[in-house]
Amino acid sequence: MCPNSTSTACRWDGSPRDTRPRRPLRVAATSPSRLLRTGQSGRCRACGRPIDFYQRADQRPIALHPAGLAAALVPVFCCWHLSCGIAHPHGDGSAWCRIPHAVLCPPASRRSA
């Protein structure tokens, strides 16, 4: 019996293996622009879908789905809005919002169940 050869580019479930070094999610307090750099997007380790990382107003990171959705179709507790590169929970009256990746990620929903 021959062992299966595994590819180092993918995990056992076929999701891509991220081999790039991690970057911290920090914006200097003295920066004239609070916009995040281009290196703040990636793919979920669990499901492989694209995600964008932003800082919240309290400086904690949050992973958001990259596409905007109509705010009227999304529950209020799932709505996030971006202003000057900072993610804020619902309430700015915008017609569009972003949702947390954890809402869409199947492995995350299995963990919380």
C-alpha atoms as a PDB file:
ATOM      1  CA  MET A   1       0.000   0.000   0.000  1.00  0.00           C
ATOM      2  CA  CYS A   2       1.454   3.375  -1.028  1.00  0.00           C
ATOM      3  CA  PRO A   3       0.950   6.452   1.126  1.00  0.00           C
ATOM      4  CA  ASN A   4      -0.920   9.316  -0.456  1.00  0.00           C
ATOM      5  CA  SER A   5       1.302  12.182  -1.458  1.00  0.00           C
ATOM      6  CA  THR A   6       0.058  15.460  -0.051  1.00  0.00           C
ATOM      7  CA  SER A   7       0.468  18.791  -1.727  1.00  0.00           C
ATOM      8  CA  THR A   8       1.963  21.546   0.386  1.00  0.00           C
ATOM      9  CA  ALA A   9      -0.140  24.154  -1.450  1.00  0.00           C
ATOM     10  CA  CYS A  10      -3.437  22.856  -0.003  1.00  0.00           C
ATOM     11  CA  ARG A  11      -4.680  21.510   3.292  1.00  0.00           C
ATOM     12  CA  TRP A  12      -6.283  18.079   3.697  1.00  0.00           C
ATOM     13  CA  ASP A  13      -9.706  19.513   2.806  1.00  0.00           C
ATOM     14  CA  GLY A  14      -8.460  21.231  -0.374  1.00  0.00           C
ATOM     15  CA  SER A  15      -8.493  24.774   1.033  1.00  0.00           C
ATOM     16  CA  PRO A  16      -5.467  26.875   0.110  1.00  0.00           C
ATOM     17  CA  ARG A  17      -2.590  26.981   2.578  1.00  0.00           C
ATOM     18  CA  ASP A  18      -1.555  30.516   3.411  1.00  0.00           C
ATOM     19  CA  THR A  19       2.227  30.680   3.414  1.00  0.00           C
ATOM     20  CA  ARG A  20       2.613  34.452   3.480  1.00  0.00           C
ATOM     21  CA  PRO A  21       3.818  36.019   6.715  1.00  0.00           C
ATOM     22  CA  ARG A  22       1.128  37.604   8.854  1.00  0.00           C
ATOM     23  CA  ARG A  23       1.012  41.390   9.187  1.00  0.00           C
ATOM     24  CA  PRO A  24      -0.287  43.178  12.252  1.00  0.00           C
ATOM     25  CA  LEU A  25      -3.524  45.142  11.879  1.00  0.00           C
ATOM     26  CA  ARG A  26      -2.216  48.463  13.104  1.00  0.00           C
ATOM     27  CA  VAL A  27      -2.512  51.985  11.786  1.00  0.00           C
ATOM     28  CA  ALA A  28      -0.141  54.491  13.371  1.00  0.00           C
ATOM     29  CA  ALA A  29      -1.941  57.008  15.574  1.00  0.00           C
ATOM     30  CA  THR A  30       0.082  59.762  13.907  1.00  0.00           C
ATOM     31  CA  SER A  31      -0.867  58.668  10.395  1.00  0.00           C
ATOM     32  CA  PRO A  32      -2.553  61.430   8.374  1.00  0.00           C
ATOM     33  CA  SER A  33      -4.840  58.795   6.829  1.00  0.00           C
ATOM     34  CA  ARG A  34      -6.736  56.135   8.775  1.00  0.00           C
ATOM     35  CA  LEU A  35      -7.208  54.072   5.607  1.00  0.00           C
ATOM     36  CA  LEU A  36      -5.827  50.561   5.811  1.00  0.00           C
ATOM     37  CA  ARG A  37      -3.091  49.318   3.532  1.00  0.00           C
ATOM     38  CA  THR A  38      -3.697  46.878   0.675  1.00  0.00           C
ATOM     39  CA  GLY A  39      -2.224  43.957   2.626  1.00  0.00           C
ATOM     40  CA  GLN A  40      -5.334  43.688   4.804  1.00  0.00           C
ATOM     41  CA  SER A  41      -7.288  41.246   2.669  1.00  0.00           C
ATOM     42  CA  GLY A  42      -6.931  37.492   2.527  1.00  0.00           C
ATOM     43  CA  ARG A  43      -8.784  34.206   2.600  1.00  0.00           C
ATOM     44  CA  CYS A  44     -10.444  32.401   5.480  1.00  0.00           C
ATOM     45  CA  ARG A  45      -8.362  29.502   6.765  1.00  0.00           C
ATOM     46  CA  ALA A  46     -11.483  27.437   7.397  1.00  0.00           C
ATOM     47  CA  CYS A  47     -13.563  27.906   4.234  1.00  0.00           C
ATOM     48  CA  GLY A  48     -11.206  29.603   1.744  1.00  0.00           C
ATOM     49  CA  ARG A  49     -13.548  32.535   0.972  1.00  0.00           C
ATOM     50  CA  PRO A  50     -12.079  36.032   0.554  1.00  0.00           C
ATOM     51  CA  ILE A  51     -12.217  38.337   3.584  1.00  0.00           C
ATOM     52  CA  ASP A  52     -11.189  41.917   4.329  1.00  0.00           C
ATOM     53  CA  PHE A  53      -9.761  42.859   7.722  1.00  0.00           C
ATOM     54  CA  TYR A  54     -10.585  46.191   9.324  1.00  0.00           C
ATOM     55  CA  GLN A  55     -10.096  47.721  12.723  1.00  0.00           C
ATOM     56  CA  ARG A  56     -13.095  48.566  14.855  1.00  0.00           C
ATOM     57  CA  ALA A  57     -13.316  51.861  16.726  1.00  0.00           C
ATOM     58  CA  ASP A  58     -11.971  50.016  19.813  1.00  0.00           C
ATOM     59  CA  GLN A  59      -8.852  48.934  17.814  1.00  0.00           C
ATOM     60  CA  ARG A  60      -9.864  45.247  17.652  1.00  0.00           C
ATOM     61  CA  PRO A  61      -9.790  43.597  14.213  1.00  0.00           C
ATOM     62  CA  ILE A  62     -12.872  42.269  12.433  1.00  0.00           C
ATOM     63  CA  ALA A  63     -13.091  40.130   9.303  1.00  0.00           C
ATOM     64  CA  LEU A  64     -15.776  41.373   6.917  1.00  0.00           C
ATOM     65  CA  HIS A  65     -17.145  39.918   3.705  1.00  0.00           C
ATOM     66  CA  PRO A  66     -15.681  41.983   0.829  1.00  0.00           C
ATOM     67  CA  ALA A  67     -18.980  42.685  -0.961  1.00  0.00           C
ATOM     68  CA  GLY A  68     -21.515  45.268   0.165  1.00  0.00           C
ATOM     69  CA  LEU A  69     -25.123  44.205   0.740  1.00  0.00           C
ATOM     70  CA  ALA A  70     -28.372  46.146   0.895  1.00  0.00           C
ATOM     71  CA  ALA A  71     -28.769  47.133   4.540  1.00  0.00           C
ATOM     72  CA  ALA A  72     -32.545  46.579   4.376  1.00  0.00           C
ATOM     73  CA  LEU A  73     -31.969  42.843   3.752  1.00  0.00           C
ATOM     74  CA  VAL A  74     -29.493  42.302   6.612  1.00  0.00           C
ATOM     75  CA  PRO A  75     -30.384  42.009  10.323  1.00  0.00           C
ATOM     76  CA  VAL A  76     -29.283  45.113  12.237  1.00  0.00           C
ATOM     77  CA  PHE A  77     -26.840  43.207  14.461  1.00  0.00           C
ATOM     78  CA  CYS A  78     -24.954  42.009  11.341  1.00  0.00           C
ATOM     79  CA  CYS A  79     -24.573  45.422   9.663  1.00  0.00           C
ATOM     80  CA  TRP A  80     -21.137  47.051   9.650  1.00  0.00           C
ATOM     81  CA  HIS A  81     -20.215  50.303   7.940  1.00  0.00           C
ATOM     82  CA  LEU A  82     -16.799  51.627   6.959  1.00  0.00           C
ATOM     83  CA  SER A  83     -15.732  55.176   7.594  1.00  0.00           C
ATOM     84  CA  CYS A  84     -12.139  56.340   7.051  1.00  0.00           C
ATOM     85  CA  GLY A  85     -10.936  52.732   7.115  1.00  0.00           C
ATOM     86  CA  ILE A  86     -12.573  51.953  10.472  1.00  0.00           C
ATOM     87  CA  ALA A  87     -15.460  49.465  10.832  1.00  0.00           C
ATOM     88  CA  HIS A  88     -18.449  50.695  12.831  1.00  0.00           C
ATOM     89  CA  PRO A  89     -21.505  48.629  13.818  1.00  0.00           C
ATOM     90  CA  HIS A  90     -24.795  49.625  12.072  1.00  0.00           C
ATOM     91  CA  GLY A  91     -26.565  52.910  12.494  1.00  0.00           C
ATOM     92  CA  ASP A  92     -25.239  55.411   9.954  1.00  0.00           C
ATOM     93  CA  GLY A  93     -28.377  55.280   7.798  1.00  0.00           C
ATOM     94  CA  SER A  94     -26.521  54.022   4.732  1.00  0.00           C
ATOM     95  CA  ALA A  95     -28.330  51.866   2.178  1.00  0.00           C
ATOM     96  CA  TRP A  96     -25.334  49.475   2.013  1.00  0.00           C
ATOM     97  CA  CYS A  97     -23.455  47.550   4.653  1.00  0.00           C
ATOM     98  CA  ARG A  98     -20.838  44.838   5.109  1.00  0.00           C
ATOM     99  CA  ILE A  99     -21.400  41.676   7.145  1.00  0.00           C
ATOM    100  CA  PRO A 100     -18.960  39.769   9.364  1.00  0.00           C
ATOM    101  CA  HIS A 101     -17.350  36.792   7.690  1.00  0.00           C
ATOM    102  CA  ALA A 102     -18.269  34.569  10.653  1.00  0.00           C
ATOM    103  CA  VAL A 103     -21.940  34.841   9.601  1.00  0.00           C
ATOM    104  CA  LEU A 104     -21.143  33.231   6.222  1.00  0.00           C
ATOM    105  CA  CYS A 105     -18.418  30.764   7.234  1.00  0.00           C
ATOM    106  CA  PRO A 106     -19.783  27.183   7.530  1.00  0.00           C
ATOM    107  CA  PRO A 107     -16.982  25.974   9.862  1.00  0.00           C
ATOM    108  CA  ALA A 108     -17.576  28.950  12.181  1.00  0.00           C
ATOM    109  CA  SER A 109     -21.296  28.157  12.420  1.00  0.00           C
ATOM    110  CA  ARG A 110     -20.471  24.546  13.309  1.00  0.00           C
ATOM    111  CA  ARG A 111     -18.134  25.698  16.088  1.00  0.00           C
ATOM    112  CA  SER A 112     -20.775  27.923  17.658  1.00  0.00           C
ATOM    113  CA  ALA A 113     -23.514  25.257  17.523  1.00  0.00           C
END
